[in-house]
Protein backbone atom coordinates (compact mmCIF):
# COMPACT_ATOMS: atom_id res chain seq x y z
CA MET A 1 0.00 0.00 0.00
CA ILE A 2 1.03 3.59 -0.66
CA LYS A 3 -0.20 6.00 1.99
CA VAL A 4 -0.10 9.77 1.53
CA HIS A 5 -0.90 11.67 4.74
CA GLN A 6 -1.54 15.42 4.99
CA ILE A 7 0.92 16.37 2.24
CA THR A 8 1.38 20.11 1.75
CA LYS A 9 3.84 21.73 -0.66
CA TYR A 10 4.61 25.35 -1.56
CA PHE A 11 6.87 26.67 -4.31
CA GLY A 12 7.62 30.14 -3.00
CA ALA A 13 4.27 31.76 -2.35
CA GLN A 14 2.46 29.36 -4.69
CA ARG A 15 0.67 26.50 -2.97
CA ALA A 16 0.95 23.32 -5.04
CA LEU A 17 -0.62 20.84 -2.60
CA HIS A 18 -2.69 21.32 0.54
CA GLN A 19 -3.26 18.58 3.13
CA VAL A 20 -3.62 15.79 0.58
CA ASN A 21 -4.55 12.33 1.87
CA VAL A 22 -4.46 9.34 -0.48
CA ASP A 23 -4.29 5.60 0.18
CA VAL A 24 -3.53 3.23 -2.71
CA PRO A 25 -4.36 -0.40 -1.82
CA GLU A 26 -1.83 -3.07 -2.69
CA GLY A 27 -2.22 -4.42 -6.22
CA SER A 28 -4.63 -1.68 -7.34
CA THR A 29 -4.34 1.08 -9.94
CA LEU A 30 -5.25 4.64 -8.96
CA ALA A 31 -5.62 7.16 -11.78
CA ILE A 32 -5.08 10.78 -10.75
CA ILE A 33 -6.74 13.32 -13.04
CA GLY A 34 -7.33 17.04 -13.12
CA PRO A 35 -6.54 20.19 -15.09
CA SER A 36 -3.02 21.47 -15.66
CA GLY A 37 -1.50 22.93 -12.51
CA CYS A 38 -3.75 21.04 -10.10
CA GLY A 39 -0.79 19.35 -8.37
CA LYS A 40 -1.07 15.81 -9.72
CA SER A 41 2.48 15.59 -11.11
CA THR A 42 3.90 17.29 -8.02
CA LEU A 43 2.21 14.67 -5.86
CA LEU A 44 3.74 11.89 -7.96
CA ARG A 45 7.24 13.41 -7.70
CA ILE A 46 6.88 13.67 -3.93
CA LYS A 47 5.98 9.99 -3.83
CA MET A 48 9.12 9.25 -5.83
CA GLY A 49 11.25 11.25 -3.40
CA LEU A 50 12.25 13.80 -6.05
CA ILE A 51 10.53 16.65 -4.18
CA THR A 52 10.40 17.06 -0.39
CA PRO A 53 6.99 18.08 1.00
CA ASP A 54 6.76 20.96 3.45
CA LYS A 55 4.42 18.93 5.65
CA GLY A 56 3.04 15.40 5.72
CA GLU A 57 4.26 11.86 5.26
CA ILE A 58 4.53 9.21 2.54
CA HIS A 59 4.51 5.51 3.45
CA PHE A 60 5.30 2.57 1.18
CA GLY A 61 3.92 -0.36 3.08
CA LYS A 62 5.37 -0.08 6.58
CA ASP A 63 8.23 2.18 5.48
CA LYS A 64 8.03 5.95 5.85
CA LEU A 65 9.80 7.83 3.06
CA ASP A 66 12.58 10.06 4.43
CA LYS A 67 16.14 11.11 3.63
CA THR A 68 17.60 7.92 5.11
CA ASN A 69 15.75 5.47 2.87
CA THR A 70 14.95 7.36 -0.34
CA ASP A 71 17.39 5.33 -2.44
CA ALA A 72 16.16 2.00 -1.05
CA LEU A 73 12.52 2.89 -1.71
CA ARG A 74 13.33 4.13 -5.22
CA LYS A 75 14.76 0.68 -5.92
CA ARG A 76 11.29 -0.70 -5.12
CA THR A 77 9.55 1.89 -7.28
CA GLY A 78 9.40 2.06 -11.07
CA TYR A 79 8.93 5.54 -12.54
CA VAL A 80 7.70 6.37 -16.03
CA ILE A 81 7.90 10.08 -16.76
CA GLN A 82 6.37 12.26 -19.46
CA LYS A 83 7.72 11.52 -22.96
CA GLY A 84 9.70 8.57 -21.62
CA GLY A 85 12.71 10.48 -20.32
CA LEU A 86 15.23 8.13 -21.94
CA PHE A 87 18.91 9.12 -21.98
CA PRO A 88 19.49 10.10 -25.65
CA HIS A 89 23.20 9.18 -25.74
CA MET A 90 22.54 5.58 -24.67
CA SER A 91 20.96 2.73 -26.58
CA ALA A 92 17.49 1.66 -25.55
CA ARG A 93 19.01 -1.50 -24.07
CA LYS A 94 21.46 0.51 -21.98
CA ASN A 95 18.61 2.70 -20.71
CA VAL A 96 16.73 -0.42 -19.62
CA THR A 97 19.66 -2.18 -17.95
CA LEU A 98 21.48 0.77 -16.34
CA ALA A 99 20.00 0.31 -12.85
CA ALA A 100 20.48 -3.47 -12.88
CA GLN A 101 24.14 -3.02 -13.81
CA TYR A 102 24.54 -0.43 -11.06
CA PHE A 103 23.20 -2.90 -8.50
CA GLY A 104 25.55 -5.64 -9.69
CA TRP A 105 23.24 -8.00 -11.56
CA SER A 106 24.96 -10.71 -13.59
CA GLU A 107 24.91 -10.47 -17.37
CA SER A 108 22.84 -13.65 -17.61
CA ASP A 109 20.22 -12.30 -15.19
CA ILE A 110 20.09 -9.00 -17.07
CA SER A 111 19.71 -10.74 -20.43
CA HIS A 112 16.94 -12.99 -19.11
CA LYS A 113 15.03 -10.04 -17.64
CA VAL A 114 15.38 -7.96 -20.81
CA ASN A 115 14.00 -10.81 -22.91
CA GLU A 116 11.12 -11.27 -20.49
CA LEU A 117 10.24 -7.56 -20.50
CA SER A 118 10.57 -7.09 -24.26
CA GLU A 119 8.00 -9.85 -24.69
CA LEU A 120 5.77 -8.32 -22.00
CA VAL A 121 5.69 -4.84 -23.57
CA HIS A 122 5.60 -6.10 -27.16
CA ILE A 123 8.82 -4.63 -28.49
CA SER A 124 11.25 -6.39 -30.80
CA ASN A 125 14.58 -7.15 -29.16
CA ASN A 126 16.55 -5.75 -32.11
CA LEU A 127 15.03 -2.30 -31.49
CA LEU A 128 16.79 -2.17 -28.13
CA ASP A 129 20.13 -1.55 -29.85
CA LYS A 130 18.86 1.71 -31.32
CA LYS A 131 19.16 5.15 -29.74
CA PRO A 132 15.94 6.73 -28.40
CA THR A 133 15.91 9.25 -31.26
CA GLN A 134 15.64 6.35 -33.72
CA LEU A 135 12.50 5.00 -32.04
CA SER A 136 8.88 6.00 -32.57
CA GLY A 137 6.97 7.56 -29.70
CA GLY A 138 5.25 4.27 -28.90
CA GLU A 139 8.50 2.32 -29.03
CA ALA A 140 10.21 4.82 -26.73
CA GLN A 141 7.38 4.53 -24.19
CA ARG A 142 7.63 0.74 -24.27
CA VAL A 143 11.34 1.05 -23.52
CA SER A 144 10.60 3.49 -20.70
CA LEU A 145 8.14 0.98 -19.23
CA MET A 146 10.77 -1.77 -19.49
CA ARG A 147 13.21 0.44 -17.61
CA ALA A 148 10.65 1.04 -14.87
CA LEU A 149 9.98 -2.70 -14.52
CA MET A 150 13.60 -3.88 -14.77
CA LEU A 151 14.20 -4.25 -11.02
CA ASP A 152 10.79 -5.89 -10.51
CA PRO A 153 9.53 -3.05 -8.27
CA ASP A 154 6.55 -3.27 -5.93
CA TYR A 155 5.20 0.09 -7.05
CA ILE A 156 4.84 1.79 -10.45
CA LEU A 157 4.41 5.57 -10.76
CA MET A 158 3.47 6.90 -14.21
CA ASP A 159 3.30 10.58 -15.13
CA GLU A 160 1.31 11.16 -18.35
CA PRO A 161 2.98 8.09 -19.91
CA LEU A 162 0.94 8.20 -23.13
CA GLY A 163 0.40 11.93 -23.45
CA SER A 164 2.71 12.54 -26.43
CA ILE A 165 1.83 9.45 -28.47
CA ASP A 166 -0.18 9.24 -31.69
CA PRO A 167 -3.87 8.51 -30.87
CA LEU A 168 -3.94 5.12 -32.63
CA VAL A 169 -0.77 3.94 -30.89
CA ARG A 170 -2.04 5.41 -27.63
CA ASN A 171 -5.20 3.32 -27.84
CA GLU A 172 -3.11 0.19 -28.46
CA MET A 173 -0.81 0.95 -25.54
CA GLN A 174 -3.73 1.59 -23.19
CA SER A 175 -4.90 -1.96 -23.88
CA GLU A 176 -1.38 -3.28 -23.34
CA LEU A 177 -0.95 -1.37 -20.07
CA LYS A 178 -4.24 -2.71 -18.74
CA GLU A 179 -3.09 -6.25 -19.55
CA ILE A 180 0.31 -5.64 -17.92
CA PHE A 181 -1.23 -4.19 -14.76
CA SER A 182 -3.50 -7.22 -14.47
CA LYS A 183 -0.70 -9.72 -15.12
CA LEU A 184 1.87 -8.22 -12.74
CA SER A 185 -0.46 -7.18 -9.89
CA LYS A 186 1.70 -4.15 -9.06
CA THR A 187 0.48 -1.15 -7.08
CA VAL A 188 0.17 1.59 -9.72
CA VAL A 189 -0.39 5.34 -9.54
CA LEU A 190 -1.09 6.87 -12.94
CA VAL A 191 -1.32 10.59 -13.65
CA THR A 192 -3.28 11.68 -16.71
CA HIS A 193 -5.41 14.61 -17.87
CA ASP A 194 -7.57 12.27 -19.95
CA LEU A 195 -10.71 11.09 -18.14
CA GLY A 196 -11.36 8.31 -20.64
CA GLU A 197 -7.85 6.94 -20.13
CA ALA A 198 -8.22 7.20 -16.35
CA ALA A 199 -11.55 5.36 -16.49
CA TYR A 200 -10.09 2.58 -18.63
CA LEU A 201 -6.89 1.99 -16.65
CA GLY A 202 -7.80 2.92 -13.09
CA ASP A 203 -9.60 0.80 -10.50
CA GLU A 204 -10.42 4.14 -8.90
CA LEU A 205 -10.09 7.76 -10.00
CA LEU A 206 -8.86 10.70 -7.93
CA LEU A 207 -9.87 14.11 -9.26
CA MET A 208 -7.77 17.08 -8.13
CA LYS A 209 -8.16 20.86 -8.29
CA GLU A 210 -5.82 23.58 -7.05
CA GLY A 211 -3.68 21.25 -4.96
CA GLY A 212 -6.51 19.38 -3.26
CA VAL A 213 -8.61 16.26 -3.72
CA VAL A 214 -12.11 17.03 -5.02
CA GLN A 215 -13.52 13.52 -5.44
CA ARG A 216 -12.42 9.90 -5.40
CA GLY A 217 -14.31 6.84 -6.60
CA SER A 218 -15.14 4.59 -9.51
CA ILE A 219 -15.87 6.12 -12.90
CA LYS A 220 -19.57 5.31 -12.43
CA THR A 221 -19.65 7.16 -9.10
CA ILE A 222 -17.94 10.22 -10.54
CA LEU A 223 -20.20 10.23 -13.59
CA ASN A 224 -23.45 9.66 -11.74
CA LYS A 225 -22.74 11.43 -8.45
CA PRO A 226 -20.33 14.32 -9.08
CA ALA A 227 -19.28 15.97 -5.83
CA ASN A 228 -19.71 19.55 -7.04
CA ASP A 229 -19.99 21.81 -10.09
CA PHE A 230 -16.29 21.54 -10.85
CA VAL A 231 -16.55 17.74 -11.22
CA SER A 232 -19.61 18.12 -13.45
CA ASP A 233 -17.85 20.69 -15.63
CA PHE A 234 -14.72 18.53 -15.88
CA ILE A 235 -16.81 15.54 -16.95
CA ASN A 236 -18.82 17.51 -19.49
CA ALA A 237 -15.64 18.89 -21.05
CA GLN A 238 -14.52 15.34 -21.83
CA ARG A 239 -17.92 13.72 -22.33
CA SER A 240 -17.24 12.69 -25.90
CA LEU A 241 -14.18 10.74 -24.77
CA LEU A 242 -16.28 8.71 -22.35
CA HIS A 243 -18.89 7.42 -24.78
CA GLN A 244 -17.32 3.99 -25.05
CA VAL A 245 -16.86 3.69 -21.27
CA GLU A 246 -20.50 4.59 -20.62
CA GLN A 247 -21.68 1.89 -23.06
CA GLU A 248 -19.82 -0.90 -21.22
C-alpha cells in the first residue's frame, strides 16, 4: 500500500498541494486526473522522493519515506515520466539495464530479464540496440516501461505516460498497459489529464483541483454522483471521450 498523509507543498508563495490524503491499496491502480496545474504531477514526484513536502508523510507499506531510505525505496519503485525520459546518448538496451548493472546484476540475469520484459511490452529485441531518437513515440514509451519494470519493483508511478503518443498507438498501448497491470499485480499510480484513459486503466479515480482532492471513486460514481460543479464541468468537457466507457 502507498499512503499519503496530509501532504502540503509550496513553491515560493504558490501553494501546489494542501493537506492531501491518499491511500492506494496493494495491487490496485489509482488514476489521478485534473486540469493542468492542479498538483497531480507534483504529488507523484513527492511519492518518488524527487521533491520534499513541506508537511506530511509518505509511506510505502510499513516504510516511511525520508532522507535515510529514499534510495532504497526508489529501488522498489518504477517511474515512467512524461515523454519517456530516456537518456538520448545511450541505446534503448542501456537505458533499460542501467540500474540493474549499477546494483551488480549478472549479465545472464540481465539478459533474461530484458527478454522477459521485451515480450511483455511487445517490443522487438533488435530495437533495443537503437538510440531513443531512432524509435517511434510508442517504441520509446515501451522502452521506458521496461526500464521502470527492470528491477521488478513493488510500485509503479506513471506521469502522463501516453500523453505525447499518436492517438492510434495510444489506444493500443492503453490496452497493453491494462493487460500488464493485471498480469503483474503491481500497485500503480497513474497521472493523466484524460478522463477516458483514467476510467479505462484505473480501479479508482482521484480528481484534483488547485492542490486538493475534489472527489475519489469509480468512474460510475464520478459520472453519476459528481461531488460539485467543478466535477460536473470537468466531466462535461470530456464527455465525448467517455462514450465507449458509458456503453460498457
